[in-house]
């Protein structure tokens, strides 16, 4: 799999995804379960979107990378709309299958947040690989390790952001944003899942022929 370099005529697909994300963002921004939590949850998402828009002509990622980012952001918007710990995925599953997903697996909590931590590592890996191959190309294992540690650091930083927000805002907003649901080891499990997701993402990229990923992706000079 090779990634094409950015050209002014190659922006149609990422622009289409941007339009799709804006539509989802606006739709799910209508009457969220907890408006203040929705606003907090979207700070990072909007910052990422702005960064991608501002840099697209200097570093265009592959369509695969943009698609993965789009999927993650849409799933994140669902979590922000309902508040992560209240996403009714079990009700949706029951409507489709007639059975409770939580009961089938013996889950005692809402696991939507855990899913998104895993998917962050998985879905952001293509972009992370392309970023380092463009900006700091390496050889041997150094072609893959920077992307892995880059995403792992995000898992730690995000847990620190959650902790800081909970301390600063406190009350119901702090509890909603932190989303531990009474699990003492919530932050550790979230970081472990992000780590596992990033490893799965690397295996996926390599499995589809990604040894050349990012080879032709380069910043404008």
N, C-alpha and C. Protein backbone atom coordinates (compact mmCIF):
# COMPACT_ATOMS: atom_id res chain seq x y z
N UNK A 1 0.85 -1.19 0.00
CA UNK A 1 0.00 0.00 0.00
C UNK A 1 0.88 1.23 0.00
N UNK A 2 0.71 2.09 -0.97
CA UNK A 2 1.47 3.33 -1.04
C UNK A 2 0.54 4.51 -0.89
N UNK A 3 1.02 5.54 -0.29
CA UNK A 3 0.22 6.72 -0.03
C UNK A 3 0.64 7.82 -0.97
N UNK A 4 -0.31 8.41 -1.67
CA UNK A 4 0.01 9.46 -2.63
C UNK A 4 0.33 10.76 -1.92
N UNK A 5 1.22 11.53 -2.51
CA UNK A 5 1.58 12.84 -1.96
C UNK A 5 0.42 13.80 -2.16
N UNK A 6 0.41 14.85 -1.36
CA UNK A 6 -0.68 15.82 -1.43
C UNK A 6 -0.58 16.65 -2.69
N UNK A 7 -1.71 16.85 -3.31
CA UNK A 7 -1.81 17.78 -4.44
C UNK A 7 -3.11 18.53 -4.28
N UNK A 8 -3.20 19.70 -4.89
CA UNK A 8 -4.39 20.52 -4.74
C UNK A 8 -5.62 19.83 -5.31
N UNK A 9 -5.43 18.88 -6.25
CA UNK A 9 -6.55 18.18 -6.84
C UNK A 9 -6.93 16.92 -6.12
N UNK A 10 -6.30 16.60 -4.99
CA UNK A 10 -6.55 15.33 -4.31
C UNK A 10 -7.28 15.51 -2.99
N UNK A 11 -7.94 16.64 -2.83
CA UNK A 11 -8.57 16.95 -1.55
C UNK A 11 -10.06 16.66 -1.52
N UNK A 12 -10.62 16.14 -2.61
CA UNK A 12 -12.06 15.93 -2.66
C UNK A 12 -12.52 14.95 -1.58
N UNK A 13 -11.81 13.85 -1.42
CA UNK A 13 -12.24 12.84 -0.45
C UNK A 13 -12.18 13.36 0.99
N UNK A 14 -11.04 13.92 1.44
CA UNK A 14 -11.04 14.45 2.82
C UNK A 14 -12.06 15.57 3.03
N UNK A 15 -12.32 16.37 2.00
CA UNK A 15 -13.33 17.42 2.13
C UNK A 15 -14.73 16.82 2.28
N UNK A 16 -14.98 15.71 1.57
CA UNK A 16 -16.27 15.04 1.71
C UNK A 16 -16.44 14.48 3.11
N UNK A 17 -15.36 13.91 3.66
CA UNK A 17 -15.42 13.39 5.02
C UNK A 17 -15.62 14.53 6.02
N UNK A 18 -14.98 15.66 5.78
CA UNK A 18 -15.16 16.82 6.65
C UNK A 18 -16.62 17.27 6.65
N UNK A 19 -17.21 17.33 5.47
CA UNK A 19 -18.62 17.73 5.38
C UNK A 19 -19.50 16.73 6.13
N UNK A 20 -19.18 15.44 5.99
CA UNK A 20 -19.95 14.43 6.70
C UNK A 20 -19.81 14.56 8.20
N UNK A 21 -18.60 14.85 8.66
CA UNK A 21 -18.39 15.01 10.10
C UNK A 21 -19.13 16.23 10.63
N UNK A 22 -19.10 17.32 9.89
CA UNK A 22 -19.81 18.54 10.33
C UNK A 22 -21.30 18.24 10.47
N UNK A 23 -21.85 17.48 9.51
CA UNK A 23 -23.28 17.13 9.58
C UNK A 23 -23.57 16.29 10.82
N UNK A 24 -22.71 15.32 11.10
CA UNK A 24 -22.89 14.48 12.28
C UNK A 24 -22.74 15.31 13.56
N UNK A 25 -21.73 16.18 13.59
CA UNK A 25 -21.48 17.02 14.75
C UNK A 25 -22.69 17.90 15.06
N UNK A 26 -23.25 18.52 14.03
CA UNK A 26 -24.41 19.39 14.24
C UNK A 26 -25.64 18.59 14.67
N UNK A 27 -25.84 17.43 14.05
CA UNK A 27 -27.02 16.62 14.39
C UNK A 27 -26.95 16.12 15.83
N UNK A 28 -25.78 15.63 16.24
CA UNK A 28 -25.64 15.09 17.59
C UNK A 28 -25.41 16.18 18.63
N UNK A 29 -25.23 17.40 18.17
CA UNK A 29 -25.13 18.52 19.09
C UNK A 29 -26.49 19.05 19.52
N UNK A 30 -27.55 18.50 18.92
CA UNK A 30 -28.90 18.90 19.27
C UNK A 30 -29.34 18.15 20.54
N UNK A 31 -29.63 18.86 21.56
CA UNK A 31 -30.15 18.30 22.82
C UNK A 31 -29.33 17.11 23.33
N UNK A 32 -28.02 17.29 23.56
CA UNK A 32 -27.24 16.20 24.15
C UNK A 32 -27.70 15.94 25.59
N UNK A 33 -27.36 14.78 26.11
CA UNK A 33 -27.80 14.40 27.46
C UNK A 33 -27.28 15.37 28.52
N UNK A 34 -26.06 15.87 28.33
CA UNK A 34 -25.44 16.76 29.32
C UNK A 34 -24.62 17.78 28.53
N UNK A 35 -25.18 18.95 28.31
CA UNK A 35 -24.59 19.94 27.41
C UNK A 35 -23.16 20.30 27.78
N UNK A 36 -22.88 20.51 29.06
CA UNK A 36 -21.54 20.90 29.47
C UNK A 36 -20.54 19.78 29.22
N UNK A 37 -20.93 18.54 29.46
CA UNK A 37 -20.05 17.41 29.18
C UNK A 37 -19.82 17.29 27.67
N UNK A 38 -20.87 17.48 26.89
CA UNK A 38 -20.75 17.46 25.42
C UNK A 38 -19.72 18.48 24.96
N UNK A 39 -19.76 19.67 25.55
CA UNK A 39 -18.82 20.72 25.17
C UNK A 39 -17.39 20.32 25.53
N UNK A 40 -17.20 19.78 26.72
CA UNK A 40 -15.86 19.34 27.13
C UNK A 40 -15.34 18.23 26.23
N UNK A 41 -16.20 17.26 25.94
CA UNK A 41 -15.79 16.12 25.12
C UNK A 41 -15.34 16.57 23.72
N UNK A 42 -15.89 17.68 23.26
CA UNK A 42 -15.61 18.09 21.88
C UNK A 42 -14.41 19.03 21.74
N UNK A 43 -13.81 19.43 22.84
CA UNK A 43 -12.65 20.32 22.74
C UNK A 43 -11.53 19.64 21.95
N UNK A 44 -11.18 18.43 22.34
CA UNK A 44 -10.09 17.71 21.67
C UNK A 44 -10.49 17.33 20.24
N UNK A 45 -11.73 16.90 20.06
CA UNK A 45 -12.20 16.49 18.74
C UNK A 45 -12.14 17.65 17.74
N UNK A 46 -12.57 18.81 18.17
CA UNK A 46 -12.55 19.97 17.29
C UNK A 46 -11.12 20.46 17.04
N UNK A 47 -10.27 20.33 18.06
CA UNK A 47 -8.86 20.72 17.87
C UNK A 47 -8.20 19.81 16.84
N UNK A 48 -8.48 18.50 16.90
CA UNK A 48 -7.94 17.56 15.92
C UNK A 48 -8.46 17.88 14.53
N UNK A 49 -9.75 18.14 14.42
CA UNK A 49 -10.33 18.46 13.12
C UNK A 49 -9.71 19.72 12.54
N UNK A 50 -9.55 20.74 13.36
CA UNK A 50 -8.94 21.99 12.89
C UNK A 50 -7.51 21.76 12.43
N UNK A 51 -6.76 20.96 13.17
CA UNK A 51 -5.37 20.68 12.79
C UNK A 51 -5.30 19.97 11.44
N UNK A 52 -6.21 19.02 11.22
CA UNK A 52 -6.22 18.30 9.95
C UNK A 52 -6.58 19.22 8.79
N UNK A 53 -7.53 20.13 9.03
CA UNK A 53 -7.93 21.06 7.98
C UNK A 53 -6.80 22.03 7.65
N UNK A 54 -6.13 22.55 8.66
CA UNK A 54 -5.10 23.55 8.45
C UNK A 54 -3.84 22.98 7.82
N UNK A 55 -3.61 21.68 7.97
CA UNK A 55 -2.37 21.09 7.46
C UNK A 55 -2.55 20.22 6.22
N UNK A 56 -3.79 20.09 5.73
CA UNK A 56 -4.05 19.12 4.67
C UNK A 56 -3.26 19.42 3.39
N UNK A 57 -3.00 20.67 3.09
CA UNK A 57 -2.26 20.99 1.86
C UNK A 57 -0.75 20.82 2.05
N UNK A 58 -0.32 20.68 3.27
CA UNK A 58 1.11 20.46 3.54
C UNK A 58 1.42 18.99 3.78
N UNK A 59 0.45 18.28 4.33
CA UNK A 59 0.64 16.86 4.59
C UNK A 59 -0.69 16.16 4.44
N UNK A 60 -0.91 15.60 3.25
CA UNK A 60 -2.17 14.90 3.01
C UNK A 60 -1.99 13.44 3.37
N UNK A 61 -2.80 12.97 4.32
CA UNK A 61 -2.75 11.57 4.69
C UNK A 61 -3.46 10.73 3.63
N UNK A 62 -3.33 9.43 3.74
CA UNK A 62 -4.00 8.53 2.80
C UNK A 62 -5.50 8.54 3.06
N UNK A 63 -6.26 8.09 2.07
CA UNK A 63 -7.71 7.98 2.24
C UNK A 63 -8.04 7.01 3.37
N UNK A 64 -7.23 5.96 3.52
CA UNK A 64 -7.44 5.03 4.63
C UNK A 64 -7.33 5.74 5.97
N UNK A 65 -6.28 6.54 6.14
CA UNK A 65 -6.08 7.25 7.40
C UNK A 65 -7.22 8.21 7.68
N UNK A 66 -7.63 8.97 6.66
CA UNK A 66 -8.74 9.91 6.86
C UNK A 66 -10.04 9.18 7.19
N UNK A 67 -10.27 8.05 6.54
CA UNK A 67 -11.48 7.27 6.82
C UNK A 67 -11.49 6.78 8.25
N UNK A 68 -10.36 6.27 8.71
CA UNK A 68 -10.26 5.78 10.09
C UNK A 68 -10.51 6.90 11.10
N UNK A 69 -9.93 8.06 10.83
CA UNK A 69 -10.14 9.21 11.73
C UNK A 69 -11.61 9.61 11.73
N UNK A 70 -12.23 9.62 10.56
CA UNK A 70 -13.64 9.98 10.45
C UNK A 70 -14.51 9.02 11.25
N UNK A 71 -14.26 7.72 11.12
CA UNK A 71 -15.05 6.73 11.86
C UNK A 71 -14.90 6.95 13.36
N UNK A 72 -13.67 7.18 13.80
CA UNK A 72 -13.46 7.40 15.24
C UNK A 72 -14.21 8.64 15.72
N UNK A 73 -14.12 9.73 14.97
CA UNK A 73 -14.77 10.97 15.38
C UNK A 73 -16.29 10.83 15.43
N UNK A 74 -16.86 10.09 14.49
CA UNK A 74 -18.31 9.87 14.51
C UNK A 74 -18.71 9.08 15.75
N UNK A 75 -17.96 8.02 16.06
CA UNK A 75 -18.24 7.24 17.26
C UNK A 75 -18.05 8.08 18.52
N UNK A 76 -17.06 8.96 18.48
CA UNK A 76 -16.85 9.86 19.61
C UNK A 76 -18.04 10.81 19.78
N UNK A 77 -18.58 11.31 18.69
CA UNK A 77 -19.72 12.21 18.77
C UNK A 77 -20.95 11.51 19.37
N UNK A 78 -21.09 10.24 19.09
CA UNK A 78 -22.18 9.47 19.71
C UNK A 78 -21.98 9.44 21.22
N UNK A 79 -20.73 9.17 21.65
CA UNK A 79 -20.43 9.16 23.07
C UNK A 79 -20.64 10.52 23.72
N UNK A 80 -20.28 11.58 23.02
CA UNK A 80 -20.46 12.93 23.56
C UNK A 80 -21.94 13.29 23.66
N UNK A 81 -22.72 12.84 22.69
CA UNK A 81 -24.15 13.17 22.69
C UNK A 81 -24.87 12.54 23.88
N UNK A 82 -24.63 11.26 24.10
CA UNK A 82 -25.33 10.55 25.17
C UNK A 82 -24.65 10.69 26.53
N UNK A 83 -23.38 11.07 26.53
CA UNK A 83 -22.44 10.94 27.64
C UNK A 83 -21.99 9.48 27.63
N UNK A 84 -20.68 9.28 27.58
CA UNK A 84 -20.12 7.97 27.32
C UNK A 84 -20.72 6.86 28.18
N UNK A 85 -20.89 7.12 29.46
CA UNK A 85 -21.37 6.07 30.35
C UNK A 85 -22.85 5.77 30.17
N UNK A 86 -23.54 6.56 29.33
CA UNK A 86 -24.98 6.36 29.13
C UNK A 86 -25.34 5.98 27.70
N UNK A 87 -24.37 5.73 26.84
CA UNK A 87 -24.67 5.33 25.46
C UNK A 87 -25.48 4.04 25.49
N UNK A 88 -26.69 4.03 24.92
CA UNK A 88 -27.58 2.85 25.05
C UNK A 88 -27.28 1.74 24.05
N UNK A 89 -26.02 1.34 23.95
CA UNK A 89 -25.67 0.30 22.98
C UNK A 89 -26.36 -1.03 23.30
N UNK A 90 -26.59 -1.28 24.62
CA UNK A 90 -27.23 -2.55 24.99
C UNK A 90 -28.68 -2.58 24.52
N UNK A 91 -29.36 -1.43 24.57
CA UNK A 91 -30.73 -1.36 24.06
C UNK A 91 -30.73 -1.55 22.55
N UNK A 92 -29.76 -0.95 21.86
CA UNK A 92 -29.68 -1.12 20.40
C UNK A 92 -29.44 -2.58 20.05
N UNK A 93 -28.55 -3.22 20.79
CA UNK A 93 -28.24 -4.63 20.53
C UNK A 93 -29.47 -5.51 20.80
N UNK A 94 -30.19 -5.17 21.85
CA UNK A 94 -31.40 -5.94 22.19
C UNK A 94 -32.45 -5.83 21.08
N UNK A 95 -32.56 -4.63 20.49
CA UNK A 95 -33.52 -4.44 19.41
C UNK A 95 -33.16 -5.26 18.18
N UNK A 96 -31.86 -5.44 17.97
CA UNK A 96 -31.41 -6.18 16.78
C UNK A 96 -31.44 -7.69 17.02
N UNK A 97 -30.96 -8.11 18.19
CA UNK A 97 -30.79 -9.55 18.44
C UNK A 97 -31.80 -10.15 19.40
N UNK A 98 -32.51 -9.28 20.14
CA UNK A 98 -33.45 -9.78 21.12
C UNK A 98 -32.82 -10.20 22.42
N UNK A 99 -31.51 -9.98 22.56
CA UNK A 99 -30.79 -10.37 23.77
C UNK A 99 -29.94 -9.19 24.27
N UNK A 100 -29.57 -9.25 25.54
CA UNK A 100 -28.74 -8.20 26.13
C UNK A 100 -27.27 -8.53 25.95
N UNK A 101 -26.53 -7.62 25.34
CA UNK A 101 -25.10 -7.83 25.15
C UNK A 101 -24.38 -7.86 26.49
N UNK A 102 -24.76 -6.99 27.40
CA UNK A 102 -24.15 -6.95 28.72
C UNK A 102 -24.37 -8.26 29.48
N UNK A 103 -25.59 -8.79 29.39
CA UNK A 103 -25.88 -10.05 30.08
C UNK A 103 -25.10 -11.21 29.46
N UNK A 104 -24.96 -11.19 28.14
CA UNK A 104 -24.24 -12.28 27.46
C UNK A 104 -22.79 -12.34 27.90
N UNK A 105 -22.16 -11.17 28.15
CA UNK A 105 -20.76 -11.13 28.54
C UNK A 105 -20.57 -10.92 30.04
N UNK A 106 -21.66 -10.79 30.77
CA UNK A 106 -21.56 -10.60 32.20
C UNK A 106 -21.02 -9.26 32.61
N UNK A 107 -21.25 -8.23 31.78
CA UNK A 107 -20.74 -6.89 32.07
C UNK A 107 -21.64 -6.20 33.08
N UNK A 108 -21.02 -5.50 34.02
CA UNK A 108 -21.75 -4.78 35.05
C UNK A 108 -21.72 -3.27 34.82
N UNK A 109 -21.07 -2.81 33.77
CA UNK A 109 -20.94 -1.38 33.50
C UNK A 109 -21.16 -1.13 32.02
N UNK A 110 -21.28 0.14 31.65
CA UNK A 110 -21.37 0.53 30.26
C UNK A 110 -19.95 0.57 29.68
N UNK A 111 -19.72 -0.21 28.63
CA UNK A 111 -18.36 -0.35 28.09
C UNK A 111 -18.12 0.45 26.82
N UNK A 112 -18.98 1.40 26.51
CA UNK A 112 -18.77 2.18 25.28
C UNK A 112 -17.46 2.95 25.34
N UNK A 113 -17.13 3.50 26.51
CA UNK A 113 -15.88 4.25 26.63
C UNK A 113 -14.67 3.35 26.42
N UNK A 114 -14.75 2.11 26.92
CA UNK A 114 -13.65 1.17 26.74
C UNK A 114 -13.45 0.85 25.26
N UNK A 115 -14.56 0.67 24.56
CA UNK A 115 -14.49 0.42 23.12
C UNK A 115 -13.78 1.55 22.41
N UNK A 116 -14.11 2.79 22.76
CA UNK A 116 -13.52 3.94 22.07
C UNK A 116 -12.03 4.09 22.39
N UNK A 117 -11.61 3.74 23.60
CA UNK A 117 -10.18 3.77 23.90
C UNK A 117 -9.42 2.77 23.03
N UNK A 118 -9.97 1.58 22.87
CA UNK A 118 -9.35 0.59 21.99
C UNK A 118 -9.34 1.08 20.55
N UNK A 119 -10.46 1.62 20.09
CA UNK A 119 -10.55 2.05 18.71
C UNK A 119 -9.68 3.26 18.42
N UNK A 120 -9.39 4.07 19.45
CA UNK A 120 -8.48 5.19 19.21
C UNK A 120 -7.12 4.66 18.76
N UNK A 121 -6.59 3.69 19.50
CA UNK A 121 -5.30 3.11 19.12
C UNK A 121 -5.37 2.46 17.75
N UNK A 122 -6.45 1.73 17.49
CA UNK A 122 -6.60 1.02 16.23
C UNK A 122 -6.75 1.96 15.04
N UNK A 123 -7.66 2.93 15.16
CA UNK A 123 -8.02 3.76 14.01
C UNK A 123 -7.06 4.92 13.77
N UNK A 124 -6.31 5.32 14.77
CA UNK A 124 -5.35 6.40 14.57
C UNK A 124 -3.98 5.91 14.10
N UNK A 125 -3.78 4.60 14.12
CA UNK A 125 -2.47 4.08 13.75
C UNK A 125 -2.06 4.41 12.31
N UNK A 126 -2.94 4.26 11.30
CA UNK A 126 -2.50 4.62 9.94
C UNK A 126 -1.99 6.05 9.84
N UNK A 127 -2.70 7.01 10.44
CA UNK A 127 -2.26 8.41 10.38
C UNK A 127 -0.96 8.60 11.15
N UNK A 128 -0.82 7.95 12.30
CA UNK A 128 0.40 8.08 13.09
C UNK A 128 1.61 7.56 12.31
N UNK A 129 1.45 6.43 11.66
CA UNK A 129 2.54 5.87 10.85
C UNK A 129 2.91 6.83 9.73
N UNK A 130 1.91 7.35 9.04
CA UNK A 130 2.18 8.24 7.92
C UNK A 130 2.83 9.54 8.39
N UNK A 131 2.42 10.03 9.54
CA UNK A 131 3.00 11.25 10.08
C UNK A 131 4.49 11.08 10.33
N UNK A 132 4.87 9.98 10.97
CA UNK A 132 6.29 9.79 11.28
C UNK A 132 7.11 9.43 10.06
N UNK A 133 6.50 8.70 9.11
CA UNK A 133 7.24 8.39 7.88
C UNK A 133 7.50 9.65 7.06
N UNK A 134 6.60 10.63 7.19
CA UNK A 134 6.78 11.89 6.46
C UNK A 134 7.73 12.83 7.17
N UNK A 135 7.61 12.93 8.49
CA UNK A 135 8.34 13.93 9.24
C UNK A 135 9.64 13.42 9.87
N UNK A 136 9.66 12.17 10.23
CA UNK A 136 10.85 11.62 10.90
C UNK A 136 11.03 10.16 10.51
N UNK A 137 11.31 9.91 9.23
CA UNK A 137 11.42 8.53 8.77
C UNK A 137 12.55 7.78 9.47
N UNK A 138 12.30 6.53 9.77
CA UNK A 138 13.30 5.71 10.44
C UNK A 138 13.57 4.42 9.69
N UNK A 139 14.47 3.62 10.23
CA UNK A 139 14.81 2.33 9.62
C UNK A 139 14.56 1.22 10.63
N UNK A 140 14.34 0.03 10.08
CA UNK A 140 14.13 -1.11 10.94
C UNK A 140 12.93 -0.91 11.84
N UNK A 141 13.08 -1.30 13.11
CA UNK A 141 11.97 -1.18 14.05
C UNK A 141 11.60 0.28 14.32
N UNK A 142 12.52 1.21 14.02
CA UNK A 142 12.25 2.62 14.26
C UNK A 142 11.24 3.19 13.26
N UNK A 143 10.86 2.39 12.27
CA UNK A 143 9.77 2.81 11.39
C UNK A 143 8.42 2.68 12.09
N UNK A 144 8.35 1.81 13.10
CA UNK A 144 7.07 1.51 13.74
C UNK A 144 6.98 1.99 15.19
N UNK A 145 8.09 1.96 15.92
CA UNK A 145 8.06 2.29 17.33
C UNK A 145 7.61 3.73 17.62
N UNK A 146 8.06 4.74 16.87
CA UNK A 146 7.60 6.10 17.19
C UNK A 146 6.08 6.26 17.12
N UNK A 147 5.45 5.62 16.12
CA UNK A 147 4.00 5.72 16.01
C UNK A 147 3.31 5.05 17.21
N UNK A 148 3.84 3.91 17.63
CA UNK A 148 3.27 3.21 18.77
C UNK A 148 3.39 4.05 20.04
N UNK A 149 4.59 4.54 20.32
CA UNK A 149 4.79 5.31 21.54
C UNK A 149 4.05 6.65 21.49
N UNK A 150 3.89 7.20 20.29
CA UNK A 150 3.12 8.43 20.10
C UNK A 150 1.68 8.23 20.56
N UNK A 151 1.06 7.14 20.11
CA UNK A 151 -0.32 6.86 20.50
C UNK A 151 -0.43 6.46 21.96
N UNK A 152 0.56 5.73 22.46
CA UNK A 152 0.54 5.35 23.89
C UNK A 152 0.59 6.60 24.77
N UNK A 153 1.40 7.57 24.34
CA UNK A 153 1.48 8.81 25.13
C UNK A 153 0.14 9.52 25.18
N UNK A 154 -0.63 9.43 24.09
CA UNK A 154 -1.94 10.05 24.06
C UNK A 154 -2.85 9.44 25.12
N UNK A 155 -2.74 8.12 25.30
CA UNK A 155 -3.57 7.44 26.30
C UNK A 155 -3.29 8.00 27.69
N UNK A 156 -2.00 8.21 27.98
CA UNK A 156 -1.62 8.76 29.29
C UNK A 156 -2.08 10.20 29.42
N UNK A 157 -1.83 11.00 28.38
CA UNK A 157 -2.18 12.43 28.42
C UNK A 157 -3.68 12.61 28.59
N UNK A 158 -4.46 11.77 27.89
CA UNK A 158 -5.91 11.93 27.98
C UNK A 158 -6.42 11.61 29.38
N UNK A 159 -5.84 10.58 30.01
CA UNK A 159 -6.25 10.27 31.38
C UNK A 159 -5.89 11.41 32.33
N UNK A 160 -4.76 12.06 32.09
CA UNK A 160 -4.38 13.21 32.90
C UNK A 160 -5.35 14.38 32.68
N UNK A 161 -5.78 14.56 31.43
CA UNK A 161 -6.74 15.61 31.13
C UNK A 161 -8.07 15.34 31.83
N UNK A 162 -8.51 14.08 31.80
CA UNK A 162 -9.75 13.72 32.49
C UNK A 162 -9.64 14.01 33.99
N UNK A 163 -8.52 13.62 34.57
CA UNK A 163 -8.31 13.84 36.00
C UNK A 163 -8.32 15.33 36.33
N UNK A 164 -7.61 16.13 35.52
CA UNK A 164 -7.54 17.57 35.75
C UNK A 164 -8.93 18.20 35.61
N UNK A 165 -9.69 17.77 34.60
CA UNK A 165 -11.03 18.33 34.39
C UNK A 165 -11.94 17.98 35.57
N UNK A 166 -11.82 16.75 36.06
CA UNK A 166 -12.65 16.33 37.19
C UNK A 166 -12.33 17.15 38.43
N UNK A 167 -11.04 17.45 38.63
CA UNK A 167 -10.63 18.24 39.79
C UNK A 167 -11.10 19.69 39.65
N UNK A 168 -10.94 20.24 38.45
CA UNK A 168 -11.28 21.65 38.22
C UNK A 168 -12.79 21.88 38.27
N UNK A 169 -13.54 21.05 37.58
CA UNK A 169 -14.98 21.29 37.47
C UNK A 169 -15.77 20.63 38.59
N UNK A 170 -15.33 19.45 39.01
CA UNK A 170 -16.00 18.77 40.12
C UNK A 170 -17.47 18.50 39.85
N UNK A 171 -18.19 18.09 40.88
CA UNK A 171 -19.63 17.89 40.78
C UNK A 171 -20.03 16.89 39.71
N UNK A 172 -21.25 17.05 39.20
CA UNK A 172 -21.78 16.12 38.19
C UNK A 172 -20.99 16.19 36.90
N UNK A 173 -20.53 17.38 36.52
CA UNK A 173 -19.77 17.53 35.29
C UNK A 173 -18.45 16.77 35.38
N UNK A 174 -17.75 16.90 36.50
CA UNK A 174 -16.49 16.18 36.67
C UNK A 174 -16.69 14.68 36.64
N UNK A 175 -17.74 14.21 37.29
CA UNK A 175 -18.03 12.77 37.32
C UNK A 175 -18.39 12.27 35.93
N UNK A 176 -19.20 13.03 35.20
CA UNK A 176 -19.62 12.62 33.85
C UNK A 176 -18.44 12.57 32.90
N UNK A 177 -17.55 13.56 33.00
CA UNK A 177 -16.40 13.60 32.10
C UNK A 177 -15.39 12.52 32.44
N UNK A 178 -15.18 12.27 33.73
CA UNK A 178 -14.23 11.24 34.14
C UNK A 178 -14.74 9.86 33.78
N UNK A 179 -15.99 9.59 34.02
CA UNK A 179 -16.64 8.36 33.56
C UNK A 179 -16.08 7.07 34.10
N UNK A 180 -15.61 7.04 35.34
CA UNK A 180 -15.03 5.81 35.89
C UNK A 180 -16.09 4.77 36.21
N UNK A 181 -17.31 5.20 36.44
CA UNK A 181 -18.41 4.29 36.79
C UNK A 181 -18.05 3.41 37.99
N UNK A 182 -17.31 3.98 38.92
CA UNK A 182 -16.98 3.27 40.14
C UNK A 182 -15.82 2.29 40.04
N UNK A 183 -15.15 2.22 38.91
CA UNK A 183 -14.04 1.29 38.72
C UNK A 183 -12.73 1.96 39.13
N UNK A 184 -12.10 1.44 40.18
CA UNK A 184 -10.85 2.02 40.68
C UNK A 184 -9.76 1.97 39.62
N UNK A 185 -9.79 0.96 38.78
CA UNK A 185 -8.73 0.77 37.79
C UNK A 185 -9.14 1.25 36.40
N UNK A 186 -10.11 2.14 36.33
CA UNK A 186 -10.64 2.58 35.04
C UNK A 186 -9.56 3.18 34.15
N UNK A 187 -8.75 4.09 34.70
CA UNK A 187 -7.72 4.76 33.89
C UNK A 187 -6.70 3.75 33.37
N UNK A 188 -6.32 2.79 34.21
CA UNK A 188 -5.34 1.78 33.81
C UNK A 188 -5.88 0.91 32.68
N UNK A 189 -7.14 0.51 32.79
CA UNK A 189 -7.76 -0.32 31.76
C UNK A 189 -7.90 0.45 30.46
N UNK A 190 -8.27 1.73 30.56
CA UNK A 190 -8.40 2.55 29.35
C UNK A 190 -7.06 2.67 28.62
N UNK A 191 -5.99 2.89 29.37
CA UNK A 191 -4.67 3.00 28.75
C UNK A 191 -4.23 1.68 28.14
N UNK A 192 -4.53 0.58 28.84
CA UNK A 192 -4.17 -0.74 28.32
C UNK A 192 -4.92 -1.04 27.02
N UNK A 193 -6.18 -0.64 26.95
CA UNK A 193 -6.96 -0.87 25.74
C UNK A 193 -6.44 -0.03 24.58
N UNK A 194 -6.05 1.22 24.84
CA UNK A 194 -5.48 2.05 23.79
C UNK A 194 -4.18 1.44 23.28
N UNK A 195 -3.38 0.91 24.20
CA UNK A 195 -2.14 0.24 23.82
C UNK A 195 -2.44 -0.97 22.94
N UNK A 196 -3.40 -1.80 23.38
CA UNK A 196 -3.76 -2.98 22.60
C UNK A 196 -4.30 -2.60 21.23
N UNK A 197 -5.10 -1.53 21.18
CA UNK A 197 -5.65 -1.08 19.90
C UNK A 197 -4.58 -0.61 18.95
N UNK A 198 -3.58 0.09 19.46
CA UNK A 198 -2.51 0.57 18.58
C UNK A 198 -1.69 -0.59 18.03
N UNK A 199 -1.45 -1.60 18.85
CA UNK A 199 -0.74 -2.79 18.36
C UNK A 199 -1.57 -3.49 17.28
N UNK A 200 -2.89 -3.62 17.54
CA UNK A 200 -3.76 -4.23 16.54
C UNK A 200 -3.77 -3.40 15.26
N UNK A 201 -3.74 -2.07 15.39
CA UNK A 201 -3.71 -1.21 14.22
C UNK A 201 -2.45 -1.38 13.41
N UNK A 202 -1.31 -1.53 14.10
CA UNK A 202 -0.04 -1.75 13.39
C UNK A 202 -0.07 -3.08 12.67
N UNK A 203 -0.56 -4.12 13.33
CA UNK A 203 -0.66 -5.44 12.69
C UNK A 203 -1.57 -5.36 11.47
N UNK A 204 -2.67 -4.61 11.59
CA UNK A 204 -3.60 -4.46 10.47
C UNK A 204 -2.92 -3.78 9.29
N UNK A 205 -2.22 -2.68 9.54
CA UNK A 205 -1.57 -1.94 8.46
C UNK A 205 -0.52 -2.81 7.78
N UNK A 206 0.27 -3.52 8.58
CA UNK A 206 1.28 -4.40 8.00
C UNK A 206 0.63 -5.55 7.23
N UNK A 207 -0.52 -6.01 7.74
CA UNK A 207 -1.21 -7.12 7.11
C UNK A 207 -1.78 -6.79 5.75
N UNK A 208 -2.10 -5.51 5.50
CA UNK A 208 -2.64 -5.13 4.19
C UNK A 208 -1.55 -4.57 3.29
N UNK A 209 -0.31 -4.87 3.63
CA UNK A 209 0.80 -4.45 2.78
C UNK A 209 1.33 -3.10 3.12
N UNK A 210 1.27 -2.72 4.39
CA UNK A 210 1.64 -1.37 4.79
C UNK A 210 3.11 -1.15 5.06
N UNK A 211 3.98 -2.05 4.62
CA UNK A 211 5.41 -1.81 4.85
C UNK A 211 5.89 -0.56 4.13
N UNK A 212 5.16 -0.16 3.09
CA UNK A 212 5.53 1.06 2.37
C UNK A 212 4.65 2.24 2.76
N UNK A 213 3.85 2.07 3.83
CA UNK A 213 2.93 3.15 4.19
C UNK A 213 3.70 4.44 4.44
N UNK A 214 3.18 5.50 3.88
CA UNK A 214 3.80 6.79 4.09
C UNK A 214 5.02 7.07 3.23
N UNK A 215 5.44 6.11 2.41
CA UNK A 215 6.68 6.30 1.66
C UNK A 215 6.64 7.52 0.78
N UNK A 216 5.47 7.77 0.17
CA UNK A 216 5.37 8.91 -0.73
C UNK A 216 4.64 10.09 -0.09
N UNK A 217 4.33 9.96 1.21
CA UNK A 217 3.70 11.09 1.88
C UNK A 217 4.78 12.03 2.38
N UNK A 218 4.70 13.26 2.00
CA UNK A 218 5.74 14.19 2.40
C UNK A 218 5.18 15.59 2.55
N UNK A 219 5.73 16.37 3.43
CA UNK A 219 5.28 17.74 3.58
C UNK A 219 5.71 18.58 2.41
N UNK A 220 4.90 19.61 2.10
CA UNK A 220 5.31 20.54 1.04
C UNK A 220 6.52 21.31 1.49
N UNK A 221 7.41 21.58 0.59
CA UNK A 221 8.61 22.37 0.89
C UNK A 221 8.70 23.53 -0.06
